[in-house]
Amino acid sequence: MSPAIQNALWNSLPVPGLLVDSDDRIADLNPAGEGFFNASAKALIGQPVWDKLAIDAPLEEAFARARKDGTPLFVNDVDVGTGERAPLQCNLQIAPLQGHEGHMLFLIAPRELAGRMTQSNSVKSAAKSAIGMAEMLAHEIKNPLAGITGAAQLLSMSLGPDDLELTDLIVSESRRIVGLLEQVEQFGNLSAPVRRAVNLHDVLDRARRSALLGFGAHMRIVEQFDPSLPLAHADADQLLQVVLNLLKNASEAAGKEGGTITLHTYFEHSFRLRRSDGSGHSLPLQIEVIDDGPGLPEDIRGDIFDPFVSGRENGTGLGLALVSKIISDHGGWISVNSVPGHTVFRISLPRAPKNEEETI
């Protein structure tokens, strides 16, 4: 088998896989492994595997024996985590790598993977019907919104400067909602993002101010921004929609008692999105929306970005599905790590081309 085919097989594995050298350090991992660890291969290669992989089983002795005897090891129904995420119940397959003494191959198969790979026709039909209902409601809601916008504009003519911010917010948000409703009318065909150089901190600050004047008034929203963060290649309005959705979810999860949401940005040069064919692109711009709420329900944690999956009573389950679609259309990546008291939604985006940055 040629090296090219071997590399393609490694990159195409649907489950996380990593290669451990004779010193128990990570020698390589596939794209599914990068997704499982939520980190790039460059950041993980050379790291001690037992520092990065948390397995709820006394595995070291059996692992050492399998390496010594050159035999495979199978471990079923164990909790596997990375130290920074809630553990998943997995099956493990560990085997010596032929021709490389001391090297061991890990394959990690989350038990929930099979359930996420298929969807029955009845569920698809229900989803189609629900989207049709959402389209009809969106059409009906736009009419009263026009009246609200007009009323706010009339009020603004008789208000002082201190109150104009509120009416301006009503007008701008009403117009934005109309735009969103038009997209809901064709949810399955969301318009492609119009991408240009965008200052992510401007988008995040707009979302923060809007949240504090509305659904997030009971929350404390903290900014931890990297002031040197380059411009992103993105659609500012669609990103605003993403961040507002995440802030709204965190605010609603916190309940009336409130809590703290942190908006964190940083630059990670080594983060790349790799596809199964080995191609990929850099996503160095990182946004994290962190809250101290109760966390995601365990039974839906792995499916939270799927349509009609919601952890709230009367929730539609469309918000995070739309978030995921928008980020995917940007060529970006979104992930979530959630335990009670600490939930992190992380968005990774490409930076703007040099020629666009220079024109801003």
Protein backbone atom coordinates (compact mmCIF):
# COMPACT_ATOMS: atom_id res chain seq x y z
CA MET A 1 0.00 0.00 0.00
CA SER A 2 1.41 3.36 -1.03
CA PRO A 3 2.16 6.06 1.59
CA ALA A 4 -0.48 8.28 -0.05
CA ILE A 5 -3.20 5.66 0.45
CA GLN A 6 -2.05 5.02 4.01
CA ASN A 7 -2.27 8.76 4.74
CA ALA A 8 -5.73 8.95 3.16
CA LEU A 9 -6.95 6.02 5.28
CA TRP A 10 -5.61 7.66 8.46
CA ASN A 11 -7.26 10.98 7.63
CA SER A 12 -10.55 9.29 6.68
CA LEU A 13 -11.05 7.35 9.92
CA PRO A 14 -14.43 8.45 11.34
CA VAL A 15 -13.26 7.97 14.95
CA PRO A 16 -10.48 9.76 16.86
CA GLY A 17 -7.15 8.02 16.43
CA LEU A 18 -3.73 8.77 17.88
CA LEU A 19 -0.28 7.23 17.72
CA VAL A 20 1.72 6.98 20.95
CA ASP A 21 5.48 6.52 20.86
CA SER A 22 7.63 4.37 23.15
CA ASP A 23 7.87 7.21 25.70
CA ASP A 24 4.05 7.51 25.94
CA ARG A 25 4.03 10.77 24.02
CA ILE A 26 1.61 11.62 21.22
CA ALA A 27 3.41 11.07 17.92
CA ASP A 28 0.48 11.75 15.58
CA LEU A 29 -3.31 12.04 15.48
CA ASN A 30 -5.93 12.16 12.76
CA PRO A 31 -8.42 15.00 12.04
CA ALA A 32 -11.12 13.28 14.10
CA GLY A 33 -8.63 13.20 16.98
CA GLU A 34 -8.03 16.94 16.66
CA GLY A 35 -11.78 17.47 16.93
CA PHE A 36 -12.02 15.22 19.99
CA PHE A 37 -9.24 17.11 21.79
CA ASN A 38 -10.36 20.47 20.35
CA ALA A 39 -6.72 21.20 19.55
CA SER A 40 -4.43 20.99 16.54
CA ALA A 41 -2.00 18.16 15.88
CA LYS A 42 0.85 20.66 16.12
CA ALA A 43 -0.18 21.60 19.65
CA LEU A 44 -0.53 17.98 20.81
CA ILE A 45 2.35 16.13 19.17
CA GLY A 46 5.09 15.52 21.72
CA GLN A 47 2.77 15.87 24.72
CA PRO A 48 2.50 12.99 27.26
CA VAL A 49 -0.64 11.07 26.35
CA TRP A 50 -1.69 10.54 29.97
CA ASP A 51 -1.58 14.32 30.53
CA LYS A 52 -4.00 14.89 27.66
CA LEU A 53 -6.23 11.83 27.88
CA ALA A 54 -8.29 11.13 31.00
CA ILE A 55 -9.67 7.57 31.11
CA ASP A 56 -11.87 6.43 33.98
CA ALA A 57 -10.23 2.98 34.20
CA PRO A 58 -6.94 1.55 35.58
CA LEU A 59 -5.46 1.32 32.10
CA GLU A 60 -1.73 1.96 32.50
CA GLU A 61 -0.82 -1.56 33.66
CA ALA A 62 -2.85 -3.27 30.93
CA PHE A 63 -1.43 -0.83 28.39
CA ALA A 64 2.14 -1.63 29.45
CA ARG A 65 1.41 -5.35 29.22
CA ALA A 66 -0.07 -5.01 25.73
CA ARG A 67 3.02 -3.09 24.60
CA LYS A 68 5.38 -5.66 26.11
CA ASP A 69 3.54 -8.68 24.66
CA GLY A 70 2.75 -7.02 21.32
CA THR A 71 -0.96 -7.80 21.67
CA PRO A 72 -4.05 -5.65 21.13
CA LEU A 73 -6.14 -4.35 24.01
CA PHE A 74 -9.92 -3.72 23.94
CA VAL A 75 -11.64 -1.65 26.62
CA ASN A 76 -15.40 -1.08 26.44
CA ASP A 77 -17.76 1.36 28.14
CA VAL A 78 -15.24 3.65 29.82
CA ASP A 79 -15.47 7.41 30.31
CA VAL A 80 -12.86 9.24 28.24
CA GLY A 81 -12.15 12.97 28.54
CA THR A 82 -9.40 15.43 27.81
CA GLY A 83 -9.25 17.27 31.13
CA GLU A 84 -11.05 20.26 29.61
CA ARG A 85 -14.32 18.67 28.56
CA ALA A 86 -16.97 16.43 30.03
CA PRO A 87 -16.05 12.76 29.50
CA LEU A 88 -17.83 10.63 26.91
CA GLN A 89 -18.55 6.94 27.22
CA CYS A 90 -16.31 5.23 24.68
CA ASN A 91 -14.92 1.95 23.47
CA LEU A 92 -11.13 1.84 23.12
CA GLN A 93 -9.02 -0.24 20.75
CA ILE A 94 -5.29 -0.21 21.39
CA ALA A 95 -2.80 -2.12 19.28
CA PRO A 96 0.97 -2.18 18.66
CA LEU A 97 2.12 -0.56 15.43
CA GLN A 98 3.84 -3.19 13.33
CA GLY A 99 7.43 -2.33 12.43
CA HIS A 100 7.70 0.44 15.05
CA GLU A 101 8.73 -1.05 18.37
CA GLY A 102 7.00 0.50 21.36
CA HIS A 103 4.55 2.56 19.28
CA MET A 104 0.86 2.00 20.06
CA LEU A 105 -2.25 2.94 18.09
CA PHE A 106 -5.28 4.29 20.02
CA LEU A 107 -8.74 4.31 18.45
CA ILE A 108 -11.43 6.04 20.50
CA ALA A 109 -15.04 5.26 19.54
CA PRO A 110 -17.65 7.39 21.37
CA ARG A 111 -20.76 5.30 22.01
CA GLU A 112 -23.03 8.15 20.83
CA LEU A 113 -21.38 8.38 17.39
CA ALA A 114 -23.53 5.71 15.77
CA GLY A 115 -26.71 7.35 16.99
CA ARG A 116 -25.71 10.68 15.46
CA MET A 117 -24.85 9.28 12.04
CA THR A 118 -28.41 8.30 11.06
CA GLN A 119 -31.79 9.97 11.16
CA SER A 120 -35.11 8.26 10.52
CA ASN A 121 -37.48 9.36 7.77
CA SER A 122 -40.13 10.22 10.36
CA VAL A 123 -37.78 12.69 12.08
CA LYS A 124 -36.89 14.26 8.74
CA SER A 125 -40.57 14.63 7.91
CA ALA A 126 -41.29 16.24 11.29
CA ALA A 127 -38.37 18.63 10.78
CA LYS A 128 -39.67 19.61 7.37
CA SER A 129 -43.15 20.30 8.77
CA ALA A 130 -41.76 22.34 11.66
CA ILE A 131 -39.65 24.46 9.31
CA GLY A 132 -42.76 25.06 7.19
CA MET A 133 -44.62 26.28 10.27
CA ALA A 134 -41.69 28.55 11.18
CA GLU A 135 -41.74 30.04 7.69
CA MET A 136 -45.47 30.82 7.98
CA LEU A 137 -45.05 32.43 11.42
CA ALA A 138 -42.10 34.48 10.22
CA HIS A 139 -44.23 35.91 7.43
CA GLU A 140 -46.98 36.90 9.89
CA ILE A 141 -44.61 38.44 12.46
CA LYS A 142 -43.05 40.88 10.01
CA ASN A 143 -46.21 43.00 9.77
CA PRO A 144 -46.45 44.02 13.46
CA LEU A 145 -42.69 44.59 13.51
CA ALA A 146 -43.13 47.29 10.89
CA GLY A 147 -45.60 49.01 13.23
CA ILE A 148 -43.18 48.75 16.16
CA THR A 149 -40.41 50.30 14.08
CA GLY A 150 -42.63 53.18 13.01
CA ALA A 151 -43.79 53.83 16.58
CA ALA A 152 -40.22 53.90 17.85
CA GLN A 153 -39.24 56.39 15.15
CA LEU A 154 -42.14 58.68 16.13
CA LEU A 155 -41.19 58.45 19.81
CA SER A 156 -37.60 59.39 19.03
CA MET A 157 -38.74 62.77 17.71
CA SER A 158 -39.88 63.85 21.19
CA LEU A 159 -37.20 62.26 23.39
CA GLY A 160 -34.04 63.67 24.86
CA PRO A 161 -30.53 62.47 23.98
CA ASP A 162 -30.37 60.07 26.97
CA ASP A 163 -33.39 58.11 25.73
CA LEU A 164 -32.57 58.12 22.02
CA GLU A 165 -30.26 55.12 22.49
CA LEU A 166 -33.26 53.00 23.46
CA THR A 167 -35.41 53.99 20.49
CA ASP A 168 -32.43 53.61 18.15
CA LEU A 169 -31.96 50.12 19.56
CA ILE A 170 -35.66 49.30 18.97
CA VAL A 171 -35.43 50.45 15.36
CA SER A 172 -32.13 48.72 14.58
CA GLU A 173 -33.09 45.48 16.30
CA SER A 174 -36.53 45.44 14.68
CA ARG A 175 -34.94 45.82 11.28
CA ARG A 176 -32.45 43.09 12.09
CA ILE A 177 -35.28 40.81 13.25
CA VAL A 178 -37.09 41.39 9.97
CA GLY A 179 -33.94 40.28 8.21
CA LEU A 180 -33.75 37.19 10.39
CA LEU A 181 -37.39 36.35 9.76
CA GLU A 182 -36.78 36.55 6.05
CA GLN A 183 -34.01 34.00 6.54
CA VAL A 184 -36.26 31.80 8.71
CA GLU A 185 -38.74 31.76 5.82
CA GLN A 186 -36.07 29.93 3.89
CA PHE A 187 -34.19 28.30 6.80
CA GLY A 188 -32.84 25.51 4.65
CA ASN A 189 -31.45 28.03 2.17
CA LEU A 190 -29.76 30.66 4.34
CA SER A 191 -28.06 33.27 2.19
CA ALA A 192 -24.31 32.91 1.87
CA PRO A 193 -22.27 35.27 4.06
CA VAL A 194 -20.96 38.44 2.47
CA ARG A 195 -17.46 38.29 3.87
CA ARG A 196 -15.13 41.20 4.31
CA ALA A 197 -12.57 42.38 6.89
CA VAL A 198 -14.36 42.59 10.26
CA ASN A 199 -13.20 43.73 13.70
CA LEU A 200 -14.48 40.93 15.95
CA HIS A 201 -14.35 43.16 19.02
CA ASP A 202 -16.81 45.60 17.42
CA VAL A 203 -19.21 42.71 16.79
CA LEU A 204 -18.82 41.36 20.33
CA ASP A 205 -19.30 44.80 21.89
CA ARG A 206 -22.48 45.37 19.87
CA ALA A 207 -23.80 42.00 21.03
CA ARG A 208 -22.88 42.74 24.67
CA ARG A 209 -24.61 46.12 24.70
CA SER A 210 -27.71 44.73 23.02
CA ALA A 211 -27.87 41.81 25.47
CA LEU A 212 -27.52 44.06 28.54
CA LEU A 213 -30.39 46.26 27.35
CA GLY A 214 -32.65 43.26 26.83
CA PHE A 215 -32.59 39.56 27.61
CA GLY A 216 -29.24 39.73 29.46
CA ALA A 217 -30.03 42.65 31.78
CA HIS A 218 -29.73 40.34 34.80
CA MET A 219 -26.30 39.08 33.72
CA ARG A 220 -22.76 40.35 34.18
CA ILE A 221 -20.92 40.27 30.84
CA VAL A 222 -17.13 40.53 31.02
CA GLU A 223 -14.80 41.26 28.09
CA GLN A 224 -11.37 39.61 27.92
CA PHE A 225 -10.12 40.75 24.53
CA ASP A 226 -6.75 40.33 22.85
CA PRO A 227 -6.11 43.91 21.64
CA SER A 228 -3.76 42.71 18.91
CA LEU A 229 -6.31 40.35 17.31
CA PRO A 230 -6.27 40.75 13.49
CA LEU A 231 -9.39 41.37 11.44
CA ALA A 232 -11.57 38.38 10.58
CA HIS A 233 -12.87 37.40 7.15
CA ALA A 234 -16.57 37.30 7.96
CA ASP A 235 -20.08 38.69 7.58
CA ALA A 236 -20.49 41.05 10.55
CA ASP A 237 -24.30 40.80 10.67
CA GLN A 238 -24.28 37.01 10.64
CA LEU A 239 -21.59 36.89 13.33
CA LEU A 240 -23.65 39.29 15.45
CA GLN A 241 -26.55 36.86 15.11
CA VAL A 242 -24.30 34.00 16.26
CA VAL A 243 -23.02 35.81 19.35
CA LEU A 244 -26.48 37.07 20.32
CA ASN A 245 -27.82 33.51 20.12
CA LEU A 246 -25.05 32.25 22.40
CA LEU A 247 -25.53 35.11 24.87
CA LYS A 248 -29.28 34.53 24.91
CA ASN A 249 -28.84 30.81 25.60
CA ALA A 250 -26.45 31.52 28.47
CA SER A 251 -28.76 34.18 29.93
CA GLU A 252 -31.79 31.91 29.81
CA ALA A 253 -29.87 28.98 31.31
CA ALA A 254 -28.77 31.16 34.25
CA GLY A 255 -32.37 31.90 35.21
CA LYS A 256 -33.54 34.88 37.23
CA GLU A 257 -30.60 34.70 39.64
CA GLY A 258 -28.24 35.65 36.82
CA GLY A 259 -24.57 34.90 36.49
CA THR A 260 -21.43 35.86 34.60
CA ILE A 261 -20.72 35.54 30.89
CA THR A 262 -17.18 36.08 29.64
CA LEU A 263 -16.40 37.08 26.04
CA HIS A 264 -12.83 35.96 25.42
CA THR A 265 -10.76 36.41 22.25
CA TYR A 266 -7.28 35.19 21.44
CA PHE A 267 -5.03 34.20 18.55
CA GLU A 268 -3.98 30.58 18.08
CA HIS A 269 -1.64 30.40 15.11
CA SER A 270 -1.50 26.59 15.02
CA PHE A 271 -5.27 25.95 14.80
CA ARG A 272 -6.16 24.47 11.43
CA LEU A 273 -9.31 22.80 10.13
CA ARG A 274 -8.29 19.63 8.35
CA ARG A 275 -10.59 17.67 6.08
CA SER A 276 -10.58 13.94 5.49
CA ASP A 277 -8.64 14.42 2.23
CA GLY A 278 -5.80 16.08 4.15
CA SER A 279 -6.55 19.60 2.89
CA GLY A 280 -7.41 22.40 5.23
CA HIS A 281 -7.01 26.04 6.18
CA SER A 282 -5.94 28.12 9.14
CA LEU A 283 -8.51 29.32 11.70
CA PRO A 284 -6.37 31.36 14.09
CA LEU A 285 -9.02 33.77 15.44
CA GLN A 286 -10.71 32.38 18.53
CA ILE A 287 -13.89 33.60 20.26
CA GLU A 288 -15.07 31.96 23.46
CA VAL A 289 -18.44 32.59 25.10
CA ILE A 290 -18.08 31.28 28.65
CA ASP A 291 -20.80 31.09 31.27
CA ASP A 292 -21.07 29.78 34.84
CA GLY A 293 -24.56 28.35 34.45
CA PRO A 294 -25.79 24.80 35.05
CA GLY A 295 -24.29 23.40 31.86
CA LEU A 296 -25.85 21.47 29.00
CA PRO A 297 -28.03 18.43 29.80
CA GLU A 298 -25.87 15.34 29.44
CA ASP A 299 -28.36 13.53 27.21
CA ILE A 300 -28.21 16.18 24.45
CA ARG A 301 -24.65 17.45 24.87
CA GLY A 302 -23.39 15.63 21.80
CA ASP A 303 -26.30 16.70 19.57
CA ILE A 304 -26.72 20.30 20.64
CA PHE A 305 -26.00 21.73 17.17
CA ASP A 306 -28.61 19.50 15.48
CA PRO A 307 -31.97 21.06 14.50
CA PHE A 308 -34.82 20.68 17.01
CA VAL A 309 -32.53 19.62 19.85
CA SER A 310 -33.10 21.89 22.85
CA GLY A 311 -32.36 21.75 26.56
CA ARG A 312 -35.15 24.20 27.41
CA GLU A 313 -38.84 23.60 27.81
CA ASN A 314 -40.63 25.09 24.79
CA GLY A 315 -37.28 25.60 23.05
CA THR A 316 -37.32 25.38 19.25
CA GLY A 317 -33.86 23.89 18.87
CA LEU A 318 -33.20 26.09 15.83
CA GLY A 319 -30.88 28.66 17.43
CA LEU A 320 -27.73 26.57 17.77
CA ALA A 321 -28.44 24.74 14.51
CA LEU A 322 -28.43 28.14 12.78
CA VAL A 323 -25.27 29.14 14.67
CA SER A 324 -23.54 25.99 13.47
CA LYS A 325 -24.66 26.56 9.87
CA ILE A 326 -23.47 30.17 9.84
CA ILE A 327 -20.03 29.27 11.21
CA SER A 328 -19.75 26.38 8.76
CA ASP A 329 -20.65 28.72 5.87
CA HIS A 330 -17.79 30.95 7.03
CA GLY A 331 -15.40 28.02 6.73
CA GLY A 332 -15.03 28.13 10.52
CA TRP A 333 -15.42 25.71 13.41
CA ILE A 334 -17.59 25.75 16.52
CA SER A 335 -17.38 23.42 19.49
CA VAL A 336 -18.70 23.24 23.04
CA ASN A 337 -17.31 21.94 26.31
CA SER A 338 -19.80 21.87 29.14
CA VAL A 339 -19.80 20.78 32.76
CA PRO A 340 -21.99 22.23 35.54
CA GLY A 341 -20.70 25.71 36.35
CA HIS A 342 -18.55 26.07 33.24
CA THR A 343 -19.75 26.01 29.62
CA VAL A 344 -17.53 27.20 26.78
CA PHE A 345 -18.68 27.74 23.20
CA ARG A 346 -15.58 28.23 21.07
CA ILE A 347 -15.67 29.71 17.56
CA SER A 348 -12.62 29.53 15.28
CA LEU A 349 -12.51 31.82 12.23
CA PRO A 350 -10.13 32.72 9.40
CA ARG A 351 -8.36 36.05 9.35
CA ALA A 352 -8.97 38.58 6.59
CA PRO A 353 -6.61 38.53 3.59
CA LYS A 354 -3.75 40.98 3.86
CA ASN A 355 -5.06 43.20 1.06
CA GLU A 356 -8.44 43.60 2.84
CA GLU A 357 -6.81 44.42 6.18
CA GLU A 358 -4.81 47.19 4.58
CA THR A 359 -7.94 48.92 3.21
CA ILE A 360 -9.66 49.20 6.61
